[in-house]
Amino acid sequence: MTRIPLRDIREEFSPLGGHVMLAPEVAAALAAAQPVVALETSLVTHGLPLPHCVDVTLDAAGRIRAGGAVPAVVAISEGHMVVGLTDAEVDRLARAQGTVKATRANLSTVVARRQTGGTTVSATMLIAEACGIEVFATGGLGGVHRGAVGDERRSLSGTLDISADLEELSRTPVHVVCAGPKIILDVQLTLEYLETNGVPLMTLGADHVPGFYCRSSGARTPLRVEDLAEAAAIISAQRALGLSAGTVTCVPLDAADAVPLPVIESAIEQALDEAGPEIRGGAVTPYLLERLHTITGGATLWANLKLIGNNADVAAALAVALGGRA
């Protein structure tokens, strides 16, 4: 597959230079100022089992295209940041052995070692911003983990386990569409952290921030917007003011597909009680997500698949709306 090095079309705009390879369709869309939506791939390499990880990514890309935007699936291939994977490349990535999870913190190592892997929210945001892609759709945000400031019931001191997603949002002006912070996190502290770092977070048509699998996390949203036109106006104002932080639109899952909050909370408590001392740091999220899938009899997996499609629909509509405001 012929790919275009980023330097060939946007060298003066990109601090990432020749390490980024744009698919021709994405390059043409950016050159023509057409709407583009980025998609991450940590869910392909580390988030969901086959074949779901491939199917949901391709479905999201198809929804974005149907919504009038160009999908740009982002990943790392042998040290190159690839923007715009084909369907076949997504499938190969999912089946590859020894893939890494690329973040801002390890991106230079991944490039230097010519590794292959999926991009997290933080890595996808910084690559998207370097290319001029303003909108990014993902499942859920990382955030402040439960116990990050201590857990008296489990006699744990504070772990200070805070996702790099939040820091990236504070300094990278990309708009993220998601189903809220992952419910395994401390959602209220995550919202406080975002506010402290100047990141506007809005929820579409609801008074409470969704909790990934749940329609409501129980935490009140800092800002409710009634429709995508209002969300686009806020994002455009953020851009016009030259503010460096990203923005977030949270999309609640349909009630028929969501898991009730009490069910999730009970499952999380059970999973945390079962976790051994080796479950720390980066091992916490995959462990909890897998345990929740088992404890809920697959309900969380179903919700996860549905919310990614919903977020792709909204991201495409926002990208189109923002293009009309340029």
C-alpha atoms as a PDB file:
ATOM      1  CA  MET A   1       0.000   0.000   0.000  1.00  0.00           C
ATOM      2  CA  THR A   2       1.460   3.348  -1.062  1.00  0.00           C
ATOM      3  CA  ARG A   3       1.523   5.838   1.772  1.00  0.00           C
ATOM      4  CA  ILE A   4       2.490   9.472   1.824  1.00  0.00           C
ATOM      5  CA  PRO A   5       5.017  10.683   4.410  1.00  0.00           C
ATOM      6  CA  LEU A   6       3.544  13.562   6.370  1.00  0.00           C
ATOM      7  CA  ARG A   7       6.460  15.796   5.354  1.00  0.00           C
ATOM      8  CA  ASP A   8       5.366  15.605   1.708  1.00  0.00           C
ATOM      9  CA  ILE A   9       2.175  17.572   2.328  1.00  0.00           C
ATOM     10  CA  ARG A  10       2.375  19.180   5.775  1.00  0.00           C
ATOM     11  CA  GLU A  11       6.029  19.325   6.804  1.00  0.00           C
ATOM     12  CA  GLU A  12       5.874  22.886   8.097  1.00  0.00           C
ATOM     13  CA  PHE A  13       3.014  21.999  10.457  1.00  0.00           C
ATOM     14  CA  SER A  14       4.292  18.742  11.943  1.00  0.00           C
ATOM     15  CA  PRO A  15       6.777  18.287  14.785  1.00  0.00           C
ATOM     16  CA  LEU A  16       6.577  14.537  14.137  1.00  0.00           C
ATOM     17  CA  GLY A  17       8.032  14.874  10.634  1.00  0.00           C
ATOM     18  CA  GLY A  18       8.829  11.848   8.524  1.00  0.00           C
ATOM     19  CA  HIS A  19       7.812   9.330  11.176  1.00  0.00           C
ATOM     20  CA  VAL A  20       4.144   9.809  10.223  1.00  0.00           C
ATOM     21  CA  MET A  21       2.702   8.128   7.163  1.00  0.00           C
ATOM     22  CA  LEU A  22      -0.653   9.320   5.841  1.00  0.00           C
ATOM     23  CA  ALA A  23      -2.938   7.158   3.737  1.00  0.00           C
ATOM     24  CA  PRO A  24      -3.636   8.880   0.398  1.00  0.00           C
ATOM     25  CA  GLU A  25      -7.350   9.298   1.192  1.00  0.00           C
ATOM     26  CA  VAL A  26      -6.573  11.001   4.500  1.00  0.00           C
ATOM     27  CA  ALA A  27      -3.883  13.180   2.925  1.00  0.00           C
ATOM     28  CA  ALA A  28      -6.281  14.294   0.188  1.00  0.00           C
ATOM     29  CA  ALA A  29      -9.046  15.050   2.690  1.00  0.00           C
ATOM     30  CA  LEU A  30      -6.744  17.156   4.874  1.00  0.00           C
ATOM     31  CA  ALA A  31      -5.363  19.024   1.875  1.00  0.00           C
ATOM     32  CA  ALA A  32      -8.937  19.817   0.782  1.00  0.00           C
ATOM     33  CA  ALA A  33     -10.001  20.803   4.340  1.00  0.00           C
ATOM     34  CA  GLN A  34     -12.570  17.998   4.422  1.00  0.00           C
ATOM     35  CA  PRO A  35     -13.752  16.559   7.762  1.00  0.00           C
ATOM     36  CA  VAL A  36     -11.594  13.751   9.150  1.00  0.00           C
ATOM     37  CA  VAL A  37     -12.127  11.697  12.325  1.00  0.00           C
ATOM     38  CA  ALA A  38      -9.290   9.806  14.015  1.00  0.00           C
ATOM     39  CA  LEU A  39      -9.779   6.371  15.584  1.00  0.00           C
ATOM     40  CA  GLU A  40      -7.439   4.728  18.106  1.00  0.00           C
ATOM     41  CA  THR A  41      -6.235   1.138  18.005  1.00  0.00           C
ATOM     42  CA  SER A  42      -5.344   0.181  21.571  1.00  0.00           C
ATOM     43  CA  LEU A  43      -8.770  -1.478  21.608  1.00  0.00           C
ATOM     44  CA  VAL A  44      -7.623  -3.534  18.596  1.00  0.00           C
ATOM     45  CA  THR A  45      -4.361  -4.690  20.177  1.00  0.00           C
ATOM     46  CA  HIS A  46      -5.242  -4.735  23.869  1.00  0.00           C
ATOM     47  CA  GLY A  47      -8.878  -3.808  24.469  1.00  0.00           C
ATOM     48  CA  LEU A  48     -11.221  -6.328  22.869  1.00  0.00           C
ATOM     49  CA  PRO A  49     -10.949  -9.961  21.763  1.00  0.00           C
ATOM     50  CA  LEU A  50     -11.027 -11.119  18.154  1.00  0.00           C
ATOM     51  CA  PRO A  51     -13.123 -10.812  16.093  1.00  0.00           C
ATOM     52  CA  HIS A  52     -14.888  -8.031  18.010  1.00  0.00           C
ATOM     53  CA  CYS A  53     -11.890  -5.687  18.002  1.00  0.00           C
ATOM     54  CA  VAL A  54     -11.702  -5.740  14.205  1.00  0.00           C
ATOM     55  CA  ASP A  55     -15.437  -5.694  13.577  1.00  0.00           C
ATOM     56  CA  VAL A  56     -16.121  -2.729  15.856  1.00  0.00           C
ATOM     57  CA  THR A  57     -13.243  -0.687  14.403  1.00  0.00           C
ATOM     58  CA  LEU A  58     -14.343  -1.290  10.831  1.00  0.00           C
ATOM     59  CA  ASP A  59     -17.949  -0.556  11.792  1.00  0.00           C
ATOM     60  CA  ALA A  60     -16.875   2.743  13.374  1.00  0.00           C
ATOM     61  CA  ALA A  61     -14.908   3.658  10.254  1.00  0.00           C
ATOM     62  CA  GLY A  62     -17.926   2.847   8.086  1.00  0.00           C
ATOM     63  CA  ARG A  63     -20.202   4.958  10.255  1.00  0.00           C
ATOM     64  CA  ILE A  64     -17.807   7.896  10.022  1.00  0.00           C
ATOM     65  CA  ARG A  65     -17.737   7.588   6.250  1.00  0.00           C
ATOM     66  CA  ALA A  66     -21.541   7.341   6.109  1.00  0.00           C
ATOM     67  CA  GLY A  67     -21.696  10.495   8.233  1.00  0.00           C
ATOM     68  CA  GLY A  68     -19.780  12.505   5.645  1.00  0.00           C
ATOM     69  CA  ALA A  69     -16.259  12.394   7.110  1.00  0.00           C
ATOM     70  CA  VAL A  70     -13.107  10.440   6.335  1.00  0.00           C
ATOM     71  CA  PRO A  71     -12.022   7.878   8.963  1.00  0.00           C
ATOM     72  CA  ALA A  72      -8.348   7.812   9.950  1.00  0.00           C
ATOM     73  CA  VAL A  73      -7.458   4.701  11.941  1.00  0.00           C
ATOM     74  CA  VAL A  74      -4.158   5.395  13.715  1.00  0.00           C
ATOM     75  CA  ALA A  75      -1.522   2.808  14.690  1.00  0.00           C
ATOM     76  CA  ILE A  76       2.228   2.242  14.870  1.00  0.00           C
ATOM     77  CA  SER A  77       3.748  -0.051  12.242  1.00  0.00           C
ATOM     78  CA  GLU A  78       7.445  -0.906  12.589  1.00  0.00           C
ATOM     79  CA  GLY A  79       8.145   2.459  14.175  1.00  0.00           C
ATOM     80  CA  HIS A  80       6.040   4.486  11.729  1.00  0.00           C
ATOM     81  CA  MET A  81       2.935   6.329  12.889  1.00  0.00           C
ATOM     82  CA  VAL A  82       0.361   5.295  10.291  1.00  0.00           C
ATOM     83  CA  VAL A  83      -2.734   7.455   9.868  1.00  0.00           C
ATOM     84  CA  GLY A  84      -5.435   5.759   7.832  1.00  0.00           C
ATOM     85  CA  LEU A  85      -5.154   1.968   8.125  1.00  0.00           C
ATOM     86  CA  THR A  86      -7.027  -0.112   5.568  1.00  0.00           C
ATOM     87  CA  ASP A  87      -9.482  -2.803   6.644  1.00  0.00           C
ATOM     88  CA  ALA A  88      -6.882  -5.485   5.930  1.00  0.00           C
ATOM     89  CA  GLU A  89      -4.267  -3.631   7.972  1.00  0.00           C
ATOM     90  CA  VAL A  90      -6.610  -3.396  10.954  1.00  0.00           C
ATOM     91  CA  ASP A  91      -7.107  -7.156  10.762  1.00  0.00           C
ATOM     92  CA  ARG A  92      -3.360  -7.798  10.540  1.00  0.00           C
ATOM     93  CA  LEU A  93      -2.724  -5.507  13.505  1.00  0.00           C
ATOM     94  CA  ALA A  94      -5.258  -7.422  15.603  1.00  0.00           C
ATOM     95  CA  ARG A  95      -3.546 -10.724  14.805  1.00  0.00           C
ATOM     96  CA  ALA A  96       0.032  -9.507  15.205  1.00  0.00           C
ATOM     97  CA  GLN A  97       2.127 -10.921  18.041  1.00  0.00           C
ATOM     98  CA  GLY A  98       4.080  -8.815  20.527  1.00  0.00           C
ATOM     99  CA  THR A  99       2.283  -5.548  19.857  1.00  0.00           C
ATOM    100  CA  VAL A 100       2.758  -2.669  22.273  1.00  0.00           C
ATOM    101  CA  LYS A 101       0.362  -0.090  23.632  1.00  0.00           C
ATOM    102  CA  ALA A 102       1.710   3.279  22.451  1.00  0.00           C
ATOM    103  CA  THR A 103       1.344   6.325  24.708  1.00  0.00           C
ATOM    104  CA  ARG A 104       3.010   9.726  24.729  1.00  0.00           C
ATOM    105  CA  ALA A 105       5.388   8.389  27.389  1.00  0.00           C
ATOM    106  CA  ASN A 106       6.732   5.489  25.322  1.00  0.00           C
ATOM    107  CA  LEU A 107       6.193   6.799  21.778  1.00  0.00           C
ATOM    108  CA  SER A 108       9.866   7.665  21.235  1.00  0.00           C
ATOM    109  CA  THR A 109      10.862   4.181  22.403  1.00  0.00           C
ATOM    110  CA  VAL A 110       8.327   2.537  20.096  1.00  0.00           C
ATOM    111  CA  VAL A 111       9.642   4.556  17.141  1.00  0.00           C
ATOM    112  CA  ALA A 112      13.312   3.971  17.981  1.00  0.00           C
ATOM    113  CA  ARG A 113      12.805   0.229  18.387  1.00  0.00           C
ATOM    114  CA  ARG A 114      10.646   0.038  15.252  1.00  0.00           C
ATOM    115  CA  GLN A 115       7.869  -1.655  17.170  1.00  0.00           C
ATOM    116  CA  THR A 116       4.272  -2.235  16.107  1.00  0.00           C
ATOM    117  CA  GLY A 117       1.261  -1.483  18.259  1.00  0.00           C
ATOM    118  CA  GLY A 118      -2.016   0.219  18.985  1.00  0.00           C
ATOM    119  CA  THR A 119      -2.324   3.858  19.964  1.00  0.00           C
ATOM    120  CA  THR A 120      -3.990   4.957  23.193  1.00  0.00           C
ATOM    121  CA  VAL A 121      -6.039   8.122  23.576  1.00  0.00           C
ATOM    122  CA  SER A 122      -2.945  10.170  24.415  1.00  0.00           C
ATOM    123  CA  ALA A 123      -0.861   8.920  21.483  1.00  0.00           C
ATOM    124  CA  THR A 124      -3.757   9.173  19.033  1.00  0.00           C
ATOM    125  CA  MET A 125      -4.458  12.746  20.105  1.00  0.00           C
ATOM    126  CA  LEU A 126      -0.905  13.954  19.620  1.00  0.00           C
ATOM    127  CA  ILE A 127      -0.590  12.231  16.227  1.00  0.00           C
ATOM    128  CA  ALA A 128      -3.970  13.571  15.103  1.00  0.00           C
ATOM    129  CA  GLU A 129      -3.083  17.106  16.167  1.00  0.00           C
ATOM    130  CA  ALA A 130       0.221  16.930  14.287  1.00  0.00           C
ATOM    131  CA  CYS A 131      -1.684  16.011  11.122  1.00  0.00           C
ATOM    132  CA  GLY A 132      -4.353  18.677  11.537  1.00  0.00           C
ATOM    133  CA  ILE A 133      -7.142  16.245  12.497  1.00  0.00           C
ATOM    134  CA  GLU A 134      -9.438  18.002  14.965  1.00  0.00           C
ATOM    135  CA  VAL A 135     -11.898  15.259  15.979  1.00  0.00           C
ATOM    136  CA  PHE A 136     -11.198  11.881  17.546  1.00  0.00           C
ATOM    137  CA  ALA A 137     -13.693   9.155  18.493  1.00  0.00           C
ATOM    138  CA  THR A 138     -12.943   6.609  21.193  1.00  0.00           C
ATOM    139  CA  GLY A 139     -14.829   4.400  23.633  1.00  0.00           C
ATOM    140  CA  GLY A 140     -14.114   5.885  27.039  1.00  0.00           C
ATOM    141  CA  LEU A 141     -11.617   8.216  28.670  1.00  0.00           C
ATOM    142  CA  GLY A 142      -8.901   7.146  31.038  1.00  0.00           C
ATOM    143  CA  GLY A 143      -8.745   9.133  34.247  1.00  0.00           C
ATOM    144  CA  VAL A 144      -8.087   9.067  37.974  1.00  0.00           C
ATOM    145  CA  HIS A 145      -8.149   5.469  39.180  1.00  0.00           C
ATOM    146  CA  ARG A 146     -10.053   4.383  42.248  1.00  0.00           C
ATOM    147  CA  GLY A 147      -7.537   4.401  45.064  1.00  0.00           C
ATOM    148  CA  ALA A 148      -5.308   6.986  43.389  1.00  0.00           C
ATOM    149  CA  VAL A 149      -5.609   9.086  46.546  1.00  0.00           C
ATOM    150  CA  GLY A 150      -5.949   6.089  48.876  1.00  0.00           C
ATOM    151  CA  ASP A 151      -8.518   3.434  49.751  1.00  0.00           C
ATOM    152  CA  GLU A 152      -9.196   3.135  53.471  1.00  0.00           C
ATOM    153  CA  ARG A 153     -11.451   0.074  53.116  1.00  0.00           C
ATOM    154  CA  ARG A 154      -8.655  -1.893  51.451  1.00  0.00           C
ATOM    155  CA  SER A 155      -5.902  -0.267  53.571  1.00  0.00           C
ATOM    156  CA  LEU A 156      -4.187   1.099  50.472  1.00  0.00           C
ATOM    157  CA  SER A 157      -2.147   4.270  50.343  1.00  0.00           C
ATOM    158  CA  GLY A 158      -2.584   6.529  47.323  1.00  0.00           C
ATOM    159  CA  THR A 159      -1.236   5.063  44.091  1.00  0.00           C
ATOM    160  CA  LEU A 160      -1.360   8.355  42.147  1.00  0.00           C
ATOM    161  CA  ASP A 161      -2.489   6.225  39.198  1.00  0.00           C
ATOM    162  CA  ILE A 162      -3.788   8.840  36.767  1.00  0.00           C
ATOM    163  CA  SER A 163      -4.176   8.205  33.049  1.00  0.00           C
ATOM    164  CA  ALA A 164      -2.030  10.118  30.580  1.00  0.00           C
ATOM    165  CA  ASP A 165      -5.280  10.831  28.698  1.00  0.00           C
ATOM    166  CA  LEU A 166      -6.012  13.687  31.095  1.00  0.00           C
ATOM    167  CA  GLU A 167      -2.639  15.371  30.671  1.00  0.00           C
ATOM    168  CA  GLU A 168      -2.935  15.033  26.901  1.00  0.00           C
ATOM    169  CA  LEU A 169      -6.328  16.711  26.955  1.00  0.00           C
ATOM    170  CA  SER A 170      -4.834  19.606  28.908  1.00  0.00           C
ATOM    171  CA  ARG A 171      -2.286  20.416  26.200  1.00  0.00           C
ATOM    172  CA  THR A 172      -3.494  19.051  22.863  1.00  0.00           C
ATOM    173  CA  PRO A 173      -6.357  20.891  21.097  1.00  0.00           C
ATOM    174  CA  VAL A 174      -8.205  17.878  19.713  1.00  0.00           C
ATOM    175  CA  HIS A 175     -11.894  17.247  20.345  1.00  0.00           C
ATOM    176  CA  VAL A 176     -12.621  13.832  21.857  1.00  0.00           C
ATOM    177  CA  VAL A 177     -15.998  12.115  21.538  1.00  0.00           C
ATOM    178  CA  CYS A 178     -16.492   9.324  24.073  1.00  0.00           C
ATOM    179  CA  ALA A 179     -18.981   7.614  26.388  1.00  0.00           C
ATOM    180  CA  GLY A 180     -17.503   9.360  29.414  1.00  0.00           C
ATOM    181  CA  PRO A 181     -14.693   8.209  31.693  1.00  0.00           C
ATOM    182  CA  LYS A 182     -14.450   4.460  32.134  1.00  0.00           C
ATOM    183  CA  ILE A 183     -16.694   3.544  35.067  1.00  0.00           C
ATOM    184  CA  ILE A 184     -13.866   1.575  36.696  1.00  0.00           C
ATOM    185  CA  LEU A 185     -12.317   4.986  37.498  1.00  0.00           C
ATOM    186  CA  ASP A 186     -13.130   7.594  40.103  1.00  0.00           C
ATOM    187  CA  VAL A 187     -15.342   9.632  37.792  1.00  0.00           C
ATOM    188  CA  GLN A 188     -15.809  12.595  40.141  1.00  0.00           C
ATOM    189  CA  LEU A 189     -12.063  13.015  40.677  1.00  0.00           C
ATOM    190  CA  THR A 190     -11.533  12.660  36.930  1.00  0.00           C
ATOM    191  CA  LEU A 191     -13.923  15.558  36.331  1.00  0.00           C
ATOM    192  CA  GLU A 192     -12.140  17.629  38.981  1.00  0.00           C
ATOM    193  CA  TYR A 193      -8.798  16.915  37.322  1.00  0.00           C
ATOM    194  CA  LEU A 194     -10.102  17.993  33.906  1.00  0.00           C
ATOM    195  CA  GLU A 195     -11.543  21.204  35.350  1.00  0.00           C
ATOM    196  CA  THR A 196      -8.257  22.031  37.086  1.00  0.00           C
ATOM    197  CA  ASN A 197      -6.458  21.624  33.777  1.00  0.00           C
ATOM    198  CA  GLY A 198      -8.891  23.766  31.806  1.00  0.00           C
ATOM    199  CA  VAL A 199     -10.531  21.013  29.753  1.00  0.00           C
ATOM    200  CA  PRO A 200     -14.199  21.681  28.868  1.00  0.00           C
ATOM    201  CA  LEU A 201     -16.324  18.541  29.192  1.00  0.00           C
ATOM    202  CA  MET A 202     -19.909  18.497  27.961  1.00  0.00           C
ATOM    203  CA  THR A 203     -22.580  15.809  27.924  1.00  0.00           C
ATOM    204  CA  LEU A 204     -25.038  15.459  25.080  1.00  0.00           C
ATOM    205  CA  GLY A 205     -28.641  15.680  26.259  1.00  0.00           C
ATOM    206  CA  ALA A 206     -28.108  14.576  29.871  1.00  0.00           C
ATOM    207  CA  ASP A 207     -27.479  16.088  33.307  1.00  0.00           C
ATOM    208  CA  HIS A 208     -25.045  13.392  34.393  1.00  0.00           C
ATOM    209  CA  VAL A 209     -21.797  12.273  32.815  1.00  0.00           C
ATOM    210  CA  PRO A 210     -22.156   8.797  31.321  1.00  0.00           C
ATOM    211  CA  GLY A 211     -19.995   6.062  32.794  1.00  0.00           C
ATOM    212  CA  PHE A 212     -18.929   4.144  29.714  1.00  0.00           C
ATOM    213  CA  TYR A 213     -21.174   1.063  30.050  1.00  0.00           C
ATOM    214  CA  CYS A 214     -23.721   3.057  32.090  1.00  0.00           C
ATOM    215  CA  ARG A 215     -25.969   5.865  30.922  1.00  0.00           C
ATOM    216  CA  SER A 216     -25.085   7.744  34.103  1.00  0.00           C
ATOM    217  CA  SER A 217     -21.998   7.581  36.296  1.00  0.00           C
ATOM    218  CA  GLY A 218     -23.841   9.426  39.054  1.00  0.00           C
ATOM    219  CA  ALA A 219     -21.611  12.496  38.630  1.00  0.00           C
ATOM    220  CA  ARG A 220     -23.240  15.693  37.378  1.00  0.00           C
ATOM    221  CA  THR A 221     -21.905  16.976  34.098  1.00  0.00           C
ATOM    222  CA  PRO A 222     -20.032  20.294  34.148  1.00  0.00           C
ATOM    223  CA  LEU A 223     -21.915  21.293  30.999  1.00  0.00           C
ATOM    224  CA  ARG A 224     -25.029  19.946  29.295  1.00  0.00           C
ATOM    225  CA  VAL A 225     -25.538  20.582  25.580  1.00  0.00           C
ATOM    226  CA  GLU A 226     -28.838  19.877  23.878  1.00  0.00           C
ATOM    227  CA  ASP A 227     -27.591  19.182  20.370  1.00  0.00           C
ATOM    228  CA  LEU A 228     -24.502  18.920  18.199  1.00  0.00           C
ATOM    229  CA  ALA A 229     -24.870  22.474  16.906  1.00  0.00           C
ATOM    230  CA  GLU A 230     -24.377  23.774  20.441  1.00  0.00           C
ATOM    231  CA  ALA A 231     -21.408  21.454  20.977  1.00  0.00           C
ATOM    232  CA  ALA A 232     -19.825  22.587  17.708  1.00  0.00           C
ATOM    233  CA  ALA A 233     -20.254  26.238  18.691  1.00  0.00           C
ATOM    234  CA  ILE A 234     -18.404  25.633  21.972  1.00  0.00           C
ATOM    235  CA  ILE A 235     -15.602  23.729  20.253  1.00  0.00           C
ATOM    236  CA  SER A 236     -15.284  26.489  17.655  1.00  0.00           C
ATOM    237  CA  ALA A 237     -15.096  29.130  20.382  1.00  0.00           C
ATOM    238  CA  GLN A 238     -12.360  27.134  22.138  1.00  0.00           C
ATOM    239  CA  ARG A 239     -10.437  27.083  18.873  1.00  0.00           C
ATOM    240  CA  ALA A 240     -11.044  30.771  18.111  1.00  0.00           C
ATOM    241  CA  LEU A 241      -9.803  31.779  21.560  1.00  0.00           C
ATOM    242  CA  GLY A 242      -6.562  29.945  20.918  1.00  0.00           C
ATOM    243  CA  LEU A 243      -6.887  27.845  24.072  1.00  0.00           C
ATOM    244  CA  SER A 244      -4.433  24.960  24.105  1.00  0.00           C
ATOM    245  CA  ALA A 245      -6.581  22.337  25.831  1.00  0.00           C
ATOM    246  CA  GLY A 246      -8.703  19.766  24.085  1.00  0.00           C
ATOM    247  CA  THR A 247     -12.441  19.412  24.580  1.00  0.00           C
ATOM    248  CA  VAL A 248     -14.676  16.430  25.338  1.00  0.00           C
ATOM    249  CA  THR A 249     -18.214  15.517  24.308  1.00  0.00           C
ATOM    250  CA  CYS A 250     -19.729  12.621  26.272  1.00  0.00           C
ATOM    251  CA  VAL A 251     -22.436  10.556  24.569  1.00  0.00           C
ATOM    252  CA  PRO A 252     -24.727   8.480  26.831  1.00  0.00           C
ATOM    253  CA  LEU A 253     -25.417   4.944  25.674  1.00  0.00           C
ATOM    254  CA  ASP A 254     -28.989   4.025  24.770  1.00  0.00           C
ATOM    255  CA  ALA A 255     -30.857   2.622  27.773  1.00  0.00           C
ATOM    256  CA  ALA A 256     -31.533  -0.678  26.007  1.00  0.00           C
ATOM    257  CA  ASP A 257     -27.798  -1.310  25.587  1.00  0.00           C
ATOM    258  CA  ALA A 258     -26.509   0.122  28.873  1.00  0.00           C
ATOM    259  CA  VAL A 259     -25.677  -1.792  32.050  1.00  0.00           C
ATOM    260  CA  PRO A 260     -27.368  -0.494  35.243  1.00  0.00           C
ATOM    261  CA  LEU A 261     -24.972   1.400  37.500  1.00  0.00           C
ATOM    262  CA  PRO A 262     -25.644  -0.768  40.607  1.00  0.00           C
ATOM    263  CA  VAL A 263     -24.758  -3.897  38.627  1.00  0.00           C
ATOM    264  CA  ILE A 264     -21.477  -2.365  37.474  1.00  0.00           C
ATOM    265  CA  GLU A 265     -20.567  -1.023  40.912  1.00  0.00           C
ATOM    266  CA  SER A 266     -21.129  -4.424  42.499  1.00  0.00           C
ATOM    267  CA  ALA A 267     -19.018  -6.097  39.820  1.00  0.00           C
ATOM    268  CA  ILE A 268     -16.204  -3.556  40.246  1.00  0.00           C
ATOM    269  CA  GLU A 269     -16.110  -4.075  44.009  1.00  0.00           C
ATOM    270  CA  GLN A 270     -15.957  -7.835  43.507  1.00  0.00           C
ATOM    271  CA  ALA A 271     -13.152  -7.516  40.956  1.00  0.00           C
ATOM    272  CA  LEU A 272     -11.137  -5.163  43.170  1.00  0.00           C
ATOM    273  CA  ASP A 273     -11.522  -7.493  46.147  1.00  0.00           C
ATOM    274  CA  GLU A 274     -10.250 -10.373  44.018  1.00  0.00           C
ATOM    275  CA  ALA A 275      -7.278  -8.456  42.585  1.00  0.00           C
ATOM    276  CA  GLY A 276      -3.875  -9.647  43.761  1.00  0.00           C
ATOM    277  CA  PRO A 277      -0.980  -7.335  44.670  1.00  0.00           C
ATOM    278  CA  GLU A 278       0.488  -7.763  41.189  1.00  0.00           C
ATOM    279  CA  ILE A 279      -2.505  -5.937  39.657  1.00  0.00           C
ATOM    280  CA  ARG A 280      -1.119  -2.411  39.656  1.00  0.00           C
ATOM    281  CA  GLY A 281      -0.424   0.405  37.191  1.00  0.00           C
ATOM    282  CA  GLY A 282      -1.102  -0.466  33.579  1.00  0.00           C
ATOM    283  CA  ALA A 283      -2.407  -3.920  34.533  1.00  0.00           C
ATOM    284  CA  VAL A 284      -5.428  -2.517  36.388  1.00  0.00           C
ATOM    285  CA  THR A 285      -7.617  -1.473  33.460  1.00  0.00           C
ATOM    286  CA  PRO A 286      -7.340  -4.656  31.334  1.00  0.00           C
ATOM    287  CA  TYR A 287      -7.818  -6.791  34.439  1.00  0.00           C
ATOM    288  CA  LEU A 288     -10.958  -4.947  35.503  1.00  0.00           C
ATOM    289  CA  LEU A 289     -12.480  -4.865  32.024  1.00  0.00           C
ATOM    290  CA  GLU A 290     -11.969  -8.609  31.612  1.00  0.00           C
ATOM    291  CA  ARG A 291     -13.393  -9.390  35.057  1.00  0.00           C
ATOM    292  CA  LEU A 292     -16.428  -7.170  34.453  1.00  0.00           C
ATOM    293  CA  HIS A 293     -17.103  -9.009  31.207  1.00  0.00           C
ATOM    294  CA  THR A 294     -17.086 -12.311  33.088  1.00  0.00           C
ATOM    295  CA  ILE A 295     -19.017 -11.166  36.153  1.00  0.00           C
ATOM    296  CA  THR A 296     -21.779  -9.495  34.105  1.00  0.00           C
ATOM    297  CA  GLY A 297     -22.147 -12.422  31.733  1.00  0.00           C
ATOM    298  CA  GLY A 298     -20.972 -10.439  28.714  1.00  0.00           C
ATOM    299  CA  ALA A 299     -23.212  -7.407  29.256  1.00  0.00           C
ATOM    300  CA  THR A 300     -20.246  -5.029  29.422  1.00  0.00           C
ATOM    301  CA  LEU A 301     -18.821  -6.324  26.141  1.00  0.00           C
ATOM    302  CA  TRP A 302     -22.145  -5.743  24.390  1.00  0.00           C
ATOM    303  CA  ALA A 303     -22.337  -2.216  25.798  1.00  0.00           C
ATOM    304  CA  ASN A 304     -18.757  -1.535  24.738  1.00  0.00           C
ATOM    305  CA  LEU A 305     -19.447  -2.544  21.149  1.00  0.00           C
ATOM    306  CA  LYS A 306     -22.587  -0.401  20.952  1.00  0.00           C
ATOM    307  CA  LEU A 307     -21.075   2.739  22.468  1.00  0.00           C
ATOM    308  CA  ILE A 308     -18.151   2.794  20.048  1.00  0.00           C
ATOM    309  CA  GLY A 309     -20.584   2.933  17.131  1.00  0.00           C
ATOM    310  CA  ASN A 310     -22.619   5.679  18.789  1.00  0.00           C
ATOM    311  CA  ASN A 311     -19.495   7.744  19.381  1.00  0.00           C
ATOM    312  CA  ALA A 312     -18.401   7.339  15.763  1.00  0.00           C
ATOM    313  CA  ASP A 313     -21.765   8.668  14.556  1.00  0.00           C
ATOM    314  CA  VAL A 314     -21.513  11.743  16.780  1.00  0.00           C
ATOM    315  CA  ALA A 315     -17.858  12.372  15.923  1.00  0.00           C
ATOM    316  CA  ALA A 316     -18.603  12.355  12.199  1.00  0.00           C
ATOM    317  CA  ALA A 317     -21.477  14.802  12.641  1.00  0.00           C
ATOM    318  CA  LEU A 318     -19.296  17.101  14.759  1.00  0.00           C
ATOM    319  CA  ALA A 319     -16.434  16.990  12.263  1.00  0.00           C
ATOM    320  CA  VAL A 320     -18.831  17.968   9.475  1.00  0.00           C
ATOM    321  CA  ALA A 321     -20.333  20.755  11.599  1.00  0.00           C
ATOM    322  CA  LEU A 322     -16.908  22.092  12.547  1.00  0.00           C
ATOM    323  CA  GLY A 323     -15.830  22.053   8.915  1.00  0.00           C
ATOM    324  CA  GLY A 324     -18.762  24.299   8.101  1.00  0.00           C
ATOM    325  CA  ARG A 325     -17.586  26.768  10.748  1.00  0.00           C
ATOM    326  CA  ALA A 326     -13.992  26.954   9.519  1.00  0.00           C
END
